[in-house]
N, C-alpha and C. Protein backbone atom coordinates (compact mmCIF):
# COMPACT_ATOMS: atom_id res chain seq x y z
N MET A 1 29.88 12.85 -8.31
CA MET A 1 29.97 11.88 -7.24
C MET A 1 29.75 10.49 -7.84
N ARG A 2 30.62 9.57 -7.48
CA ARG A 2 30.53 8.22 -8.04
C ARG A 2 30.66 7.18 -6.93
N LEU A 3 29.79 6.19 -6.98
CA LEU A 3 29.84 5.05 -6.06
C LEU A 3 30.54 3.91 -6.79
N SER A 4 31.37 3.15 -6.07
CA SER A 4 32.09 2.05 -6.72
C SER A 4 32.49 0.98 -5.71
N ASN A 5 32.97 -0.11 -6.26
CA ASN A 5 33.55 -1.22 -5.49
C ASN A 5 32.65 -1.71 -4.38
N TYR A 6 31.34 -1.80 -4.65
CA TYR A 6 30.46 -2.37 -3.63
C TYR A 6 30.74 -3.86 -3.52
N ARG A 7 30.85 -4.29 -2.29
CA ARG A 7 30.86 -5.72 -1.96
C ARG A 7 30.25 -5.82 -0.57
N PHE A 8 29.88 -6.99 -0.17
CA PHE A 8 29.22 -7.19 1.12
C PHE A 8 29.99 -6.45 2.20
N GLY A 9 29.35 -5.44 2.78
CA GLY A 9 29.93 -4.72 3.91
C GLY A 9 30.73 -3.48 3.58
N SER A 10 30.91 -3.14 2.30
CA SER A 10 31.66 -1.92 2.00
C SER A 10 31.31 -1.36 0.62
N VAL A 11 31.53 -0.07 0.49
CA VAL A 11 31.33 0.65 -0.77
C VAL A 11 32.28 1.84 -0.77
N GLN A 12 32.62 2.33 -1.93
CA GLN A 12 33.43 3.53 -2.03
C GLN A 12 32.60 4.66 -2.62
N VAL A 13 32.81 5.86 -2.07
CA VAL A 13 32.20 7.08 -2.61
C VAL A 13 33.36 7.98 -3.02
N ASP A 14 33.46 8.20 -4.32
CA ASP A 14 34.59 8.97 -4.87
C ASP A 14 35.93 8.45 -4.33
N GLY A 15 36.04 7.12 -4.27
CA GLY A 15 37.29 6.49 -3.85
C GLY A 15 37.49 6.34 -2.36
N VAL A 16 36.60 6.92 -1.56
CA VAL A 16 36.71 6.82 -0.10
C VAL A 16 35.88 5.62 0.37
N PRO A 17 36.48 4.67 1.09
CA PRO A 17 35.74 3.49 1.52
C PRO A 17 34.85 3.77 2.74
N TYR A 18 33.68 3.13 2.75
CA TYR A 18 32.74 3.17 3.88
C TYR A 18 32.35 1.75 4.22
N THR A 19 32.27 1.46 5.52
CA THR A 19 31.92 0.11 5.97
C THR A 19 30.69 0.11 6.87
N GLU A 20 29.94 1.19 6.84
CA GLU A 20 28.66 1.24 7.56
C GLU A 20 27.61 1.74 6.59
N ASP A 21 26.35 1.49 6.89
CA ASP A 21 25.27 1.95 6.03
C ASP A 21 25.34 3.47 5.90
N ILE A 22 25.15 3.96 4.67
CA ILE A 22 25.32 5.38 4.42
C ILE A 22 24.18 5.99 3.62
N GLN A 23 24.10 7.32 3.72
CA GLN A 23 23.24 8.14 2.89
C GLN A 23 24.16 9.01 2.06
N VAL A 24 23.95 9.03 0.77
CA VAL A 24 24.67 9.92 -0.12
C VAL A 24 23.65 10.94 -0.60
N LEU A 25 23.86 12.20 -0.24
CA LEU A 25 22.90 13.26 -0.52
C LEU A 25 23.28 14.02 -1.78
N PRO A 26 22.32 14.71 -2.40
CA PRO A 26 22.60 15.39 -3.68
C PRO A 26 23.72 16.42 -3.61
N ASP A 27 23.97 17.00 -2.45
CA ASP A 27 25.04 18.00 -2.33
C ASP A 27 26.42 17.36 -2.14
N GLY A 28 26.46 16.02 -2.15
CA GLY A 28 27.72 15.31 -2.00
C GLY A 28 28.03 14.87 -0.58
N ALA A 29 27.20 15.26 0.37
CA ALA A 29 27.42 14.83 1.75
C ALA A 29 27.19 13.33 1.87
N VAL A 30 28.03 12.70 2.66
CA VAL A 30 27.88 11.28 2.97
C VAL A 30 27.71 11.17 4.48
N LYS A 31 26.59 10.58 4.89
CA LYS A 31 26.27 10.46 6.31
C LYS A 31 25.91 9.02 6.64
N SER A 32 26.07 8.69 7.89
CA SER A 32 25.64 7.38 8.38
C SER A 32 24.13 7.26 8.21
N TRP A 33 23.65 6.05 7.92
CA TRP A 33 22.21 5.82 7.78
C TRP A 33 21.79 4.74 8.77
N TRP A 34 21.13 5.17 9.82
CA TRP A 34 20.64 4.27 10.86
C TRP A 34 19.13 4.18 10.74
N ARG A 35 18.60 2.97 10.73
CA ARG A 35 17.15 2.77 10.65
C ARG A 35 16.62 2.33 12.00
N LYS A 36 15.47 2.86 12.34
CA LYS A 36 14.83 2.57 13.62
C LYS A 36 14.63 1.07 13.81
N GLU A 37 14.24 0.37 12.75
CA GLU A 37 13.95 -1.07 12.85
C GLU A 37 14.87 -1.93 11.99
N GLY A 38 16.09 -1.52 11.82
CA GLY A 38 17.09 -2.35 11.14
C GLY A 38 16.80 -2.67 9.69
N HIS A 39 16.01 -3.70 9.44
CA HIS A 39 15.75 -4.15 8.08
C HIS A 39 14.41 -3.68 7.52
N ARG A 40 13.86 -2.62 8.13
CA ARG A 40 12.62 -2.00 7.62
C ARG A 40 12.86 -0.49 7.51
N VAL A 41 12.47 0.06 6.37
CA VAL A 41 12.60 1.51 6.19
C VAL A 41 11.26 2.14 6.52
N LEU A 42 11.27 2.97 7.55
CA LEU A 42 10.08 3.69 8.02
C LEU A 42 10.18 5.14 7.57
N PRO A 43 9.07 5.89 7.59
CA PRO A 43 9.13 7.30 7.18
C PRO A 43 10.21 8.09 7.90
N GLU A 44 10.39 7.87 9.20
CA GLU A 44 11.39 8.65 9.93
C GLU A 44 12.82 8.34 9.49
N ASP A 45 13.03 7.20 8.85
CA ASP A 45 14.36 6.85 8.35
C ASP A 45 14.74 7.64 7.10
N LEU A 46 13.78 8.38 6.56
CA LEU A 46 13.99 9.15 5.33
C LEU A 46 14.18 10.64 5.59
N GLU A 47 14.14 11.06 6.85
CA GLU A 47 14.12 12.49 7.18
C GLU A 47 15.28 13.27 6.59
N GLU A 48 16.50 12.79 6.76
CA GLU A 48 17.66 13.53 6.25
C GLU A 48 17.64 13.59 4.72
N ALA A 49 17.27 12.49 4.09
CA ALA A 49 17.18 12.47 2.63
C ALA A 49 16.12 13.45 2.16
N LEU A 50 14.97 13.47 2.80
CA LEU A 50 13.89 14.38 2.38
C LEU A 50 14.27 15.84 2.59
N ALA A 51 15.05 16.13 3.61
CA ALA A 51 15.50 17.50 3.86
C ALA A 51 16.40 18.00 2.72
N ALA A 52 16.97 17.09 1.94
CA ALA A 52 17.83 17.45 0.81
C ALA A 52 17.04 17.73 -0.46
N ASP A 53 15.71 17.63 -0.38
CA ASP A 53 14.82 17.94 -1.50
C ASP A 53 15.15 17.14 -2.77
N PRO A 54 15.17 15.81 -2.67
CA PRO A 54 15.52 15.01 -3.85
C PRO A 54 14.33 14.84 -4.81
N GLU A 55 14.67 14.53 -6.04
CA GLU A 55 13.68 14.10 -7.03
C GLU A 55 13.55 12.57 -7.00
N LEU A 56 14.64 11.92 -6.58
CA LEU A 56 14.74 10.47 -6.62
C LEU A 56 15.44 9.97 -5.37
N VAL A 57 14.87 8.95 -4.75
CA VAL A 57 15.52 8.27 -3.63
C VAL A 57 15.78 6.83 -4.07
N ILE A 58 17.03 6.44 -3.99
CA ILE A 58 17.43 5.08 -4.34
C ILE A 58 17.83 4.38 -3.05
N ILE A 59 17.13 3.31 -2.73
CA ILE A 59 17.41 2.57 -1.51
C ILE A 59 18.07 1.25 -1.87
N GLY A 60 19.28 1.05 -1.34
CA GLY A 60 19.98 -0.22 -1.49
C GLY A 60 19.52 -1.15 -0.38
N THR A 61 18.82 -2.20 -0.76
CA THR A 61 18.17 -3.09 0.21
C THR A 61 19.08 -4.20 0.73
N GLY A 62 20.37 -4.07 0.48
CA GLY A 62 21.32 -5.05 0.99
C GLY A 62 21.82 -5.99 -0.10
N TYR A 63 22.84 -6.73 0.24
CA TYR A 63 23.46 -7.67 -0.69
C TYR A 63 22.42 -8.68 -1.20
N GLY A 64 21.61 -9.20 -0.28
CA GLY A 64 20.58 -10.17 -0.63
C GLY A 64 19.18 -9.58 -0.70
N GLY A 65 19.06 -8.28 -0.51
CA GLY A 65 17.76 -7.62 -0.62
C GLY A 65 16.85 -7.79 0.57
N ARG A 66 17.40 -7.91 1.77
CA ARG A 66 16.58 -8.17 2.96
C ARG A 66 15.84 -6.96 3.51
N VAL A 67 16.27 -5.76 3.18
CA VAL A 67 15.62 -4.57 3.71
C VAL A 67 14.29 -4.33 3.00
N GLU A 68 13.26 -4.08 3.79
CA GLU A 68 11.91 -3.83 3.27
C GLU A 68 11.61 -2.34 3.39
N VAL A 69 11.13 -1.76 2.31
CA VAL A 69 10.65 -0.38 2.36
C VAL A 69 9.17 -0.46 2.67
N THR A 70 8.76 0.06 3.83
CA THR A 70 7.38 -0.08 4.28
C THR A 70 6.42 0.70 3.39
N ALA A 71 5.17 0.30 3.43
CA ALA A 71 4.13 1.00 2.67
C ALA A 71 4.04 2.45 3.09
N GLU A 72 4.25 2.72 4.38
CA GLU A 72 4.19 4.10 4.88
C GLU A 72 5.32 4.96 4.30
N ALA A 73 6.50 4.39 4.20
CA ALA A 73 7.63 5.12 3.61
C ALA A 73 7.40 5.35 2.13
N ARG A 74 6.88 4.35 1.44
CA ARG A 74 6.56 4.49 0.01
C ARG A 74 5.51 5.58 -0.19
N ALA A 75 4.50 5.58 0.67
CA ALA A 75 3.42 6.57 0.57
C ALA A 75 3.95 7.99 0.79
N LEU A 76 4.83 8.15 1.77
CA LEU A 76 5.40 9.46 2.05
C LEU A 76 6.13 10.00 0.82
N LEU A 77 6.95 9.17 0.20
CA LEU A 77 7.67 9.60 -0.99
C LEU A 77 6.70 9.94 -2.12
N ALA A 78 5.70 9.10 -2.32
CA ALA A 78 4.72 9.34 -3.37
C ALA A 78 3.96 10.65 -3.14
N GLU A 79 3.57 10.91 -1.90
CA GLU A 79 2.85 12.15 -1.56
C GLU A 79 3.67 13.38 -1.93
N ARG A 80 4.97 13.27 -1.80
CA ARG A 80 5.86 14.41 -2.09
C ARG A 80 6.33 14.43 -3.55
N GLY A 81 5.86 13.47 -4.33
CA GLY A 81 6.23 13.43 -5.74
C GLY A 81 7.66 13.00 -5.98
N ILE A 82 8.21 12.21 -5.04
CA ILE A 82 9.60 11.75 -5.14
C ILE A 82 9.61 10.32 -5.65
N GLU A 83 10.36 10.10 -6.70
CA GLU A 83 10.48 8.77 -7.28
C GLU A 83 11.30 7.88 -6.34
N LEU A 84 10.95 6.60 -6.28
CA LEU A 84 11.66 5.63 -5.44
C LEU A 84 12.15 4.47 -6.29
N LEU A 85 13.40 4.11 -6.09
CA LEU A 85 13.93 2.86 -6.61
C LEU A 85 14.45 2.09 -5.41
N ALA A 86 13.92 0.91 -5.15
CA ALA A 86 14.39 0.04 -4.08
C ALA A 86 14.97 -1.20 -4.76
N LEU A 87 16.29 -1.34 -4.66
CA LEU A 87 17.02 -2.37 -5.38
C LEU A 87 18.06 -3.00 -4.46
N LYS A 88 18.48 -4.22 -4.78
CA LYS A 88 19.63 -4.78 -4.07
C LYS A 88 20.76 -3.76 -4.18
N THR A 89 21.60 -3.71 -3.19
CA THR A 89 22.58 -2.64 -3.10
C THR A 89 23.51 -2.56 -4.31
N ALA A 90 23.93 -3.66 -4.87
CA ALA A 90 24.79 -3.60 -6.06
C ALA A 90 24.07 -2.88 -7.20
N GLU A 91 22.79 -3.17 -7.36
CA GLU A 91 22.00 -2.52 -8.41
C GLU A 91 21.74 -1.06 -8.07
N ALA A 92 21.55 -0.76 -6.78
CA ALA A 92 21.33 0.62 -6.34
C ALA A 92 22.56 1.48 -6.62
N VAL A 93 23.73 0.93 -6.43
CA VAL A 93 24.97 1.65 -6.72
C VAL A 93 25.01 2.01 -8.21
N GLU A 94 24.71 1.06 -9.06
CA GLU A 94 24.69 1.31 -10.51
C GLU A 94 23.64 2.36 -10.86
N ALA A 95 22.45 2.25 -10.25
CA ALA A 95 21.37 3.20 -10.54
C ALA A 95 21.76 4.62 -10.13
N PHE A 96 22.38 4.75 -8.97
CA PHE A 96 22.81 6.08 -8.53
C PHE A 96 23.80 6.68 -9.52
N ASN A 97 24.74 5.90 -9.96
CA ASN A 97 25.73 6.41 -10.92
C ASN A 97 25.07 6.82 -12.23
N GLU A 98 24.04 6.11 -12.61
CA GLU A 98 23.33 6.43 -13.85
C GLU A 98 22.46 7.69 -13.71
N TYR A 99 21.70 7.77 -12.62
CA TYR A 99 20.69 8.83 -12.49
C TYR A 99 21.18 10.11 -11.82
N SER A 100 22.17 10.04 -10.96
CA SER A 100 22.55 11.24 -10.20
C SER A 100 23.06 12.40 -11.06
N PRO A 101 23.66 12.14 -12.23
CA PRO A 101 24.02 13.31 -13.04
C PRO A 101 22.80 14.01 -13.65
N LYS A 102 21.66 13.31 -13.70
CA LYS A 102 20.47 13.84 -14.37
C LYS A 102 19.41 14.36 -13.41
N LYS A 103 19.40 13.85 -12.18
CA LYS A 103 18.36 14.18 -11.19
C LYS A 103 19.00 14.42 -9.83
N ARG A 104 18.28 15.17 -8.98
CA ARG A 104 18.71 15.31 -7.57
C ARG A 104 18.40 13.98 -6.89
N ALA A 105 19.42 13.17 -6.72
CA ALA A 105 19.23 11.82 -6.21
C ALA A 105 19.93 11.63 -4.87
N CYS A 106 19.29 10.83 -4.02
CA CYS A 106 19.87 10.36 -2.77
C CYS A 106 20.03 8.86 -2.88
N ALA A 107 21.12 8.35 -2.36
CA ALA A 107 21.31 6.90 -2.24
C ALA A 107 21.35 6.56 -0.76
N LEU A 108 20.49 5.68 -0.33
CA LEU A 108 20.45 5.19 1.04
C LEU A 108 20.82 3.71 0.96
N LEU A 109 22.00 3.37 1.47
CA LEU A 109 22.56 2.06 1.20
C LEU A 109 22.77 1.21 2.44
N HIS A 110 22.14 0.04 2.44
CA HIS A 110 22.41 -1.00 3.45
C HIS A 110 23.50 -1.87 2.84
N LEU A 111 24.62 -2.01 3.52
CA LEU A 111 25.78 -2.65 2.91
C LEU A 111 25.90 -4.15 3.16
N THR A 112 25.15 -4.68 4.11
CA THR A 112 25.23 -6.12 4.38
C THR A 112 23.89 -6.78 4.03
N CYS A 113 23.69 -7.97 4.52
CA CYS A 113 22.44 -8.75 4.37
C CYS A 113 21.91 -8.77 2.97
């Protein structure tokens, strides 16, 4: 699975374009990613990703990095022994491409802001 062509508001997953925030799960599923509080990632916003039993969660915090991963969400991941990378979305796309062949990784991507 490869992420590519990220630009403000869109990204491609294996050549298929997406224009809404998405979750890319280790099994290759791509799902919409809706957050309860928009620009804040809360523990409940991680439920689908956690159900996929990842080793690594990569959160794309937006074009300008406006999305905040709350302390509670960070703590939940740490409690479960799951590594977290929270990066601007362009960097998150690159990180997913680098790490997903080596680890069970999820990419949670905010495509705007």
